[in-house]
C-alpha atoms as a PDB file:
ATOM      1  CA  UNK A   1      72.092  56.077  43.701  1.00  0.00           C
ATOM      2  CA  UNK A   2      68.589  56.303  43.224  1.00  0.00           C
ATOM      3  CA  UNK A   3      68.213  55.667  39.541  1.00  0.00           C
ATOM      4  CA  UNK A   4      68.188  52.375  37.500  1.00  0.00           C
ATOM      5  CA  UNK A   5      68.424  51.473  33.759  1.00  0.00           C
ATOM      6  CA  UNK A   6      65.715  48.900  33.023  1.00  0.00           C
ATOM      7  CA  UNK A   7      66.856  47.077  29.660  1.00  0.00           C
ATOM      8  CA  UNK A   8      63.635  45.092  28.721  1.00  0.00           C
ATOM      9  CA  UNK A   9      63.614  41.923  26.309  1.00  0.00           C
ATOM     10  CA  UNK A  10      66.702  42.854  24.368  1.00  0.00           C
ATOM     11  CA  UNK A  11      66.900  39.086  23.602  1.00  0.00           C
ATOM     12  CA  UNK A  12      67.856  36.443  21.090  1.00  0.00           C
ATOM     13  CA  UNK A  13      64.172  35.294  20.809  1.00  0.00           C
ATOM     14  CA  UNK A  14      63.413  38.232  18.388  1.00  0.00           C
ATOM     15  CA  UNK A  15      66.439  37.392  16.123  1.00  0.00           C
ATOM     16  CA  UNK A  16      64.967  33.785  15.958  1.00  0.00           C
ATOM     17  CA  UNK A  17      61.442  35.050  14.427  1.00  0.00           C
ATOM     18  CA  UNK A  18      60.894  35.651  10.646  1.00  0.00           C
ATOM     19  CA  UNK A  19      59.664  39.046  11.502  1.00  0.00           C
ATOM     20  CA  UNK A  20      63.340  40.128  12.884  1.00  0.00           C
ATOM     21  CA  UNK A  21      64.120  41.586   9.516  1.00  0.00           C
ATOM     22  CA  UNK A  22      61.654  44.145   9.536  1.00  0.00           C
ATOM     23  CA  UNK A  23      63.090  45.535  13.151  1.00  0.00           C
ATOM     24  CA  UNK A  24      63.120  49.110  13.270  1.00  0.00           C
ATOM     25  CA  UNK A  25      66.578  49.172  14.289  1.00  0.00           C
ATOM     26  CA  UNK A  26      68.629  46.018  13.565  1.00  0.00           C
ATOM     27  CA  UNK A  27      71.361  47.472  15.696  1.00  0.00           C
ATOM     28  CA  UNK A  28      68.980  48.188  18.655  1.00  0.00           C
ATOM     29  CA  UNK A  29      71.626  46.051  20.927  1.00  0.00           C
ATOM     30  CA  UNK A  30      74.321  48.630  20.217  1.00  0.00           C
ATOM     31  CA  UNK A  31      72.059  51.446  21.210  1.00  0.00           C
ATOM     32  CA  UNK A  32      71.172  49.787  24.485  1.00  0.00           C
ATOM     33  CA  UNK A  33      74.835  48.804  25.198  1.00  0.00           C
ATOM     34  CA  UNK A  34      75.360  52.921  25.210  1.00  0.00           C
ATOM     35  CA  UNK A  35      73.067  53.252  27.695  1.00  0.00           C
ATOM     36  CA  UNK A  36      74.504  50.412  29.829  1.00  0.00           C
ATOM     37  CA  UNK A  37      77.942  52.005  29.842  1.00  0.00           C
ATOM     38  CA  UNK A  38      76.462  55.497  30.681  1.00  0.00           C
ATOM     39  CA  UNK A  39      74.426  53.847  33.736  1.00  0.00           C
ATOM     40  CA  UNK A  40      77.376  51.933  35.011  1.00  0.00           C
ATOM     41  CA  UNK A  41      79.850  55.063  34.576  1.00  0.00           C
ATOM     42  CA  UNK A  42      77.082  57.187  36.569  1.00  0.00           C
ATOM     43  CA  UNK A  43      76.694  54.292  39.048  1.00  0.00           C
ATOM     44  CA  UNK A  44      73.228  53.570  38.458  1.00  0.00           C
ATOM     45  CA  UNK A  45      71.740  50.131  38.964  1.00  0.00           C
ATOM     46  CA  UNK A  46      71.139  48.146  35.618  1.00  0.00           C
ATOM     47  CA  UNK A  47      68.266  45.682  35.918  1.00  0.00           C
ATOM     48  CA  UNK A  48      67.888  43.034  32.869  1.00  0.00           C
ATOM     49  CA  UNK A  49      64.500  41.772  31.976  1.00  0.00           C
ATOM     50  CA  UNK A  50      63.863  39.056  29.660  1.00  0.00           C
ATOM     51  CA  UNK A  51      60.425  37.645  28.413  1.00  0.00           C
ATOM     52  CA  UNK A  52      59.769  33.974  28.962  1.00  0.00           C
ATOM     53  CA  UNK A  53      56.814  31.868  27.995  1.00  0.00           C
ATOM     54  CA  UNK A  54      57.664  28.359  29.269  1.00  0.00           C
ATOM     55  CA  UNK A  55      55.880  25.475  27.737  1.00  0.00           C
ATOM     56  CA  UNK A  56      54.898  27.534  24.740  1.00  0.00           C
ATOM     57  CA  UNK A  57      57.093  25.709  22.190  1.00  0.00           C
ATOM     58  CA  UNK A  58      58.150  29.096  20.491  1.00  0.00           C
ATOM     59  CA  UNK A  59      61.100  31.447  20.663  1.00  0.00           C
ATOM     60  CA  UNK A  60      60.173  32.574  24.088  1.00  0.00           C
ATOM     61  CA  UNK A  61      60.099  29.231  25.523  1.00  0.00           C
ATOM     62  CA  UNK A  62      63.481  28.781  27.721  1.00  0.00           C
ATOM     63  CA  UNK A  63      63.677  25.014  26.632  1.00  0.00           C
ATOM     64  CA  UNK A  64      64.509  26.491  22.782  1.00  0.00           C
ATOM     65  CA  UNK A  65      67.363  28.439  24.355  1.00  0.00           C
ATOM     66  CA  UNK A  66      66.818  31.733  22.757  1.00  0.00           C
ATOM     67  CA  UNK A  67      65.588  33.468  26.028  1.00  0.00           C
ATOM     68  CA  UNK A  68      69.080  35.168  26.492  1.00  0.00           C
ATOM     69  CA  UNK A  69      70.672  38.674  26.119  1.00  0.00           C
ATOM     70  CA  UNK A  70      71.632  39.464  22.670  1.00  0.00           C
ATOM     71  CA  UNK A  71      75.214  38.559  22.264  1.00  0.00           C
ATOM     72  CA  UNK A  72      76.474  41.974  21.979  1.00  0.00           C
ATOM     73  CA  UNK A  73      75.246  42.762  25.400  1.00  0.00           C
ATOM     74  CA  UNK A  74      77.011  41.544  28.805  1.00  0.00           C
ATOM     75  CA  UNK A  75      75.482  41.538  32.143  1.00  0.00           C
ATOM     76  CA  UNK A  76      78.111  42.063  35.024  1.00  0.00           C
ATOM     77  CA  UNK A  77      78.036  40.543  38.519  1.00  0.00           C
ATOM     78  CA  UNK A  78      75.601  42.399  40.853  1.00  0.00           C
ATOM     79  CA  UNK A  79      73.192  43.159  38.013  1.00  0.00           C
ATOM     80  CA  UNK A  80      69.696  41.779  38.612  1.00  0.00           C
ATOM     81  CA  UNK A  81      68.417  39.404  35.795  1.00  0.00           C
ATOM     82  CA  UNK A  82      64.439  39.024  35.820  1.00  0.00           C
ATOM     83  CA  UNK A  83      62.061  36.738  33.669  1.00  0.00           C
ATOM     84  CA  UNK A  84      58.972  38.092  33.312  1.00  0.00           C
ATOM     85  CA  UNK A  85      55.560  36.357  31.613  1.00  0.00           C
ATOM     86  CA  UNK A  86      53.363  39.618  31.365  1.00  0.00           C
ATOM     87  CA  UNK A  87      54.144  42.449  28.939  1.00  0.00           C
ATOM     88  CA  UNK A  88      55.242  44.880  31.605  1.00  0.00           C
ATOM     89  CA  UNK A  89      58.282  44.161  34.024  1.00  0.00           C
ATOM     90  CA  UNK A  90      56.399  44.509  36.936  1.00  0.00           C
ATOM     91  CA  UNK A  91      53.183  42.304  37.500  1.00  0.00           C
ATOM     92  CA  UNK A  92      55.326  38.753  37.269  1.00  0.00           C
ATOM     93  CA  UNK A  93      58.651  39.875  38.771  1.00  0.00           C
ATOM     94  CA  UNK A  94      60.013  40.939  41.755  1.00  0.00           C
ATOM     95  CA  UNK A  95      61.121  44.382  40.041  1.00  0.00           C
ATOM     96  CA  UNK A  96      59.134  46.695  42.333  1.00  0.00           C
ATOM     97  CA  UNK A  97      60.429  45.036  45.389  1.00  0.00           C
ATOM     98  CA  UNK A  98      63.981  45.250  44.152  1.00  0.00           C
ATOM     99  CA  UNK A  99      63.845  48.855  43.218  1.00  0.00           C
ATOM    100  CA  UNK A 100      62.144  49.547  46.687  1.00  0.00           C
ATOM    101  CA  UNK A 101      65.090  47.880  48.640  1.00  0.00           C
ATOM    102  CA  UNK A 102      67.484  49.969  46.788  1.00  0.00           C
ATOM    103  CA  UNK A 103      65.862  53.371  47.089  1.00  0.00           C
ATOM    104  CA  UNK A 104      65.281  53.700  43.513  1.00  0.00           C
ATOM    105  CA  UNK A 105      63.091  56.533  42.401  1.00  0.00           C
ATOM    106  CA  UNK A 106      63.883  57.444  38.899  1.00  0.00           C
ATOM    107  CA  UNK A 107      63.926  54.817  35.995  1.00  0.00           C
ATOM    108  CA  UNK A 108      65.384  54.844  32.563  1.00  0.00           C
ATOM    109  CA  UNK A 109      63.756  52.327  30.105  1.00  0.00           C
ATOM    110  CA  UNK A 110      64.588  50.636  26.790  1.00  0.00           C
ATOM    111  CA  UNK A 111      64.352  47.624  24.849  1.00  0.00           C
ATOM    112  CA  UNK A 112      62.154  45.648  22.566  1.00  0.00           C
ATOM    113  CA  UNK A 113      59.075  46.357  21.575  1.00  0.00           C
ATOM    114  CA  UNK A 114      58.503  49.937  21.666  1.00  0.00           C
ATOM    115  CA  UNK A 115      54.701  49.990  21.858  1.00  0.00           C
ATOM    116  CA  UNK A 116      54.295  46.792  23.777  1.00  0.00           C
ATOM    117  CA  UNK A 117      56.581  45.735  26.868  1.00  0.00           C
ATOM    118  CA  UNK A 118      58.893  48.805  26.975  1.00  0.00           C
ATOM    119  CA  UNK A 119      55.558  51.185  26.967  1.00  0.00           C
ATOM    120  CA  UNK A 120      53.486  49.254  29.260  1.00  0.00           C
ATOM    121  CA  UNK A 121      56.262  49.146  31.857  1.00  0.00           C
ATOM    122  CA  UNK A 122      56.705  52.799  31.509  1.00  0.00           C
ATOM    123  CA  UNK A 123      53.116  53.436  32.119  1.00  0.00           C
ATOM    124  CA  UNK A 124      52.776  51.078  35.126  1.00  0.00           C
ATOM    125  CA  UNK A 125      56.154  52.280  36.531  1.00  0.00           C
ATOM    126  CA  UNK A 126      54.713  55.858  36.268  1.00  0.00           C
ATOM    127  CA  UNK A 127      51.419  55.003  38.108  1.00  0.00           C
ATOM    128  CA  UNK A 128      53.736  53.602  40.968  1.00  0.00           C
ATOM    129  CA  UNK A 129      55.231  56.855  41.379  1.00  0.00           C
ATOM    130  CA  UNK A 130      58.424  56.631  39.537  1.00  0.00           C
ATOM    131  CA  UNK A 131      60.002  59.305  37.316  1.00  0.00           C
ATOM    132  CA  UNK A 132      60.543  57.554  34.067  1.00  0.00           C
ATOM    133  CA  UNK A 133      62.729  58.753  30.910  1.00  0.00           C
ATOM    134  CA  UNK A 134      61.926  56.731  27.917  1.00  0.00           C
ATOM    135  CA  UNK A 135      64.770  56.394  25.437  1.00  0.00           C
ATOM    136  CA  UNK A 136      62.957  56.455  22.404  1.00  0.00           C
ATOM    137  CA  UNK A 137      65.993  55.367  20.204  1.00  0.00           C
ATOM    138  CA  UNK A 138      67.109  52.722  22.393  1.00  0.00           C
ATOM    139  CA  UNK A 139      63.878  50.913  21.677  1.00  0.00           C
ATOM    140  CA  UNK A 140      62.840  48.919  18.554  1.00  0.00           C
ATOM    141  CA  UNK A 141      59.449  47.424  17.204  1.00  0.00           C
ATOM    142  CA  UNK A 142      58.208  45.929  14.147  1.00  0.00           C
ATOM    143  CA  UNK A 143      55.358  46.756  11.755  1.00  0.00           C
ATOM    144  CA  UNK A 144      51.863  45.463  12.831  1.00  0.00           C
ATOM    145  CA  UNK A 145      49.283  43.782  10.784  1.00  0.00           C
ATOM    146  CA  UNK A 146      45.626  45.256  10.733  1.00  0.00           C
ATOM    147  CA  UNK A 147      43.420  43.169  13.142  1.00  0.00           C
ATOM    148  CA  UNK A 148      41.580  41.747  10.360  1.00  0.00           C
ATOM    149  CA  UNK A 149      44.645  40.410   8.787  1.00  0.00           C
ATOM    150  CA  UNK A 150      44.970  36.686   8.432  1.00  0.00           C
ATOM    151  CA  UNK A 151      47.214  34.893  11.519  1.00  0.00           C
ATOM    152  CA  UNK A 152      49.372  33.065   8.937  1.00  0.00           C
ATOM    153  CA  UNK A 153      49.952  36.300   6.884  1.00  0.00           C
ATOM    154  CA  UNK A 154      53.517  36.297   5.338  1.00  0.00           C
ATOM    155  CA  UNK A 155      56.166  38.858   6.416  1.00  0.00           C
ATOM    156  CA  UNK A 156      55.953  39.960   2.570  1.00  0.00           C
ATOM    157  CA  UNK A 157      52.207  39.967   2.527  1.00  0.00           C
ATOM    158  CA  UNK A 158      52.057  42.005   5.748  1.00  0.00           C
ATOM    159  CA  UNK A 159      54.521  44.538   4.334  1.00  0.00           C
ATOM    160  CA  UNK A 160      52.450  45.066   1.231  1.00  0.00           C
ATOM    161  CA  UNK A 161      49.015  45.428   3.067  1.00  0.00           C
ATOM    162  CA  UNK A 162      48.285  49.185   3.018  1.00  0.00           C
ATOM    163  CA  UNK A 163      46.629  48.411   6.422  1.00  0.00           C
ATOM    164  CA  UNK A 164      49.890  47.588   7.952  1.00  0.00           C
ATOM    165  CA  UNK A 165      51.326  50.149  10.643  1.00  0.00           C
ATOM    166  CA  UNK A 166      54.936  50.806  10.068  1.00  0.00           C
ATOM    167  CA  UNK A 167      57.367  50.673  12.944  1.00  0.00           C
ATOM    168  CA  UNK A 168      58.060  54.386  12.461  1.00  0.00           C
ATOM    169  CA  UNK A 169      54.392  55.080  12.815  1.00  0.00           C
ATOM    170  CA  UNK A 170      54.246  52.958  16.000  1.00  0.00           C
ATOM    171  CA  UNK A 171      57.140  54.576  17.477  1.00  0.00           C
ATOM    172  CA  UNK A 172      55.785  58.063  16.830  1.00  0.00           C
ATOM    173  CA  UNK A 173      52.387  57.521  18.377  1.00  0.00           C
ATOM    174  CA  UNK A 174      54.014  55.669  21.403  1.00  0.00           C
ATOM    175  CA  UNK A 175      56.366  58.997  21.842  1.00  0.00           C
ATOM    176  CA  UNK A 176      52.948  61.136  21.627  1.00  0.00           C
ATOM    177  CA  UNK A 177      51.152  58.982  24.089  1.00  0.00           C
ATOM    178  CA  UNK A 178      53.862  59.030  26.649  1.00  0.00           C
ATOM    179  CA  UNK A 179      55.490  62.324  26.719  1.00  0.00           C
ATOM    180  CA  UNK A 180      54.218  64.834  29.471  1.00  0.00           C
ATOM    181  CA  UNK A 181      51.955  61.974  30.815  1.00  0.00           C
ATOM    182  CA  UNK A 182      54.025  58.909  31.869  1.00  0.00           C
ATOM    183  CA  UNK A 183      57.437  59.824  31.008  1.00  0.00           C
ATOM    184  CA  UNK A 184      60.209  62.210  29.770  1.00  0.00           C
ATOM    185  CA  UNK A 185      61.188  61.452  26.299  1.00  0.00           C
ATOM    186  CA  UNK A 186      64.932  61.387  25.545  1.00  0.00           C
ATOM    187  CA  UNK A 187      67.349  60.068  23.044  1.00  0.00           C
ATOM    188  CA  UNK A 188      70.614  58.206  23.872  1.00  0.00           C
ATOM    189  CA  UNK A 189      72.714  61.172  22.687  1.00  0.00           C
ATOM    190  CA  UNK A 190      70.841  63.669  24.741  1.00  0.00           C
ATOM    191  CA  UNK A 191      71.655  61.621  27.751  1.00  0.00           C
ATOM    192  CA  UNK A 192      75.354  61.278  26.793  1.00  0.00           C
ATOM    193  CA  UNK A 193      75.576  65.032  26.312  1.00  0.00           C
ATOM    194  CA  UNK A 194      73.962  65.446  29.729  1.00  0.00           C
ATOM    195  CA  UNK A 195      76.457  63.224  31.400  1.00  0.00           C
ATOM    196  CA  UNK A 196      79.375  64.500  29.685  1.00  0.00           C
ATOM    197  CA  UNK A 197      81.769  66.653  31.992  1.00  0.00           C
ATOM    198  CA  UNK A 198      81.530  70.269  31.594  1.00  0.00           C
ATOM    199  CA  UNK A 199      84.377  72.100  29.886  1.00  0.00           C
END
């Protein structure tokens, strides 16, 4: 086994935010669950990563109880759980040490948010020499308001603003930015088909 699945920030914190209703895939946990099953069947390591902002008083503050896996997901004994405080999953965790100790050379990444923590982790992993597969439909994100939009903009006003970048546009841009440079782009269905027994 020299592969690992890195599941990034698929946590209840996001469901606790008003912005959750705008997420690109409300069933993201289902998609991620398919990848987890696939990884376990292949004997690959599954690494769970949660984003944490201790003392922030918001949904990423562990004291509020939302920094936990989405309820649809199950972590098995022996599967590492890391807590990060940076956008990527390497800088503030022992992820690289863990992967090195286990001889991991190839990563599959998924999670929330597509262009933020998942993409940033992918770029760092590529620079560190890992072969990375970015599973585009096992990531999810929200629309992003324009940089000049008010900080207290309501969800409705953000969606009505023509300058807001849609989740679909963000995912598309991430795919173009990563493909052929930092990662191979794949879908859950493609990976399942590749792993299926040949007739």
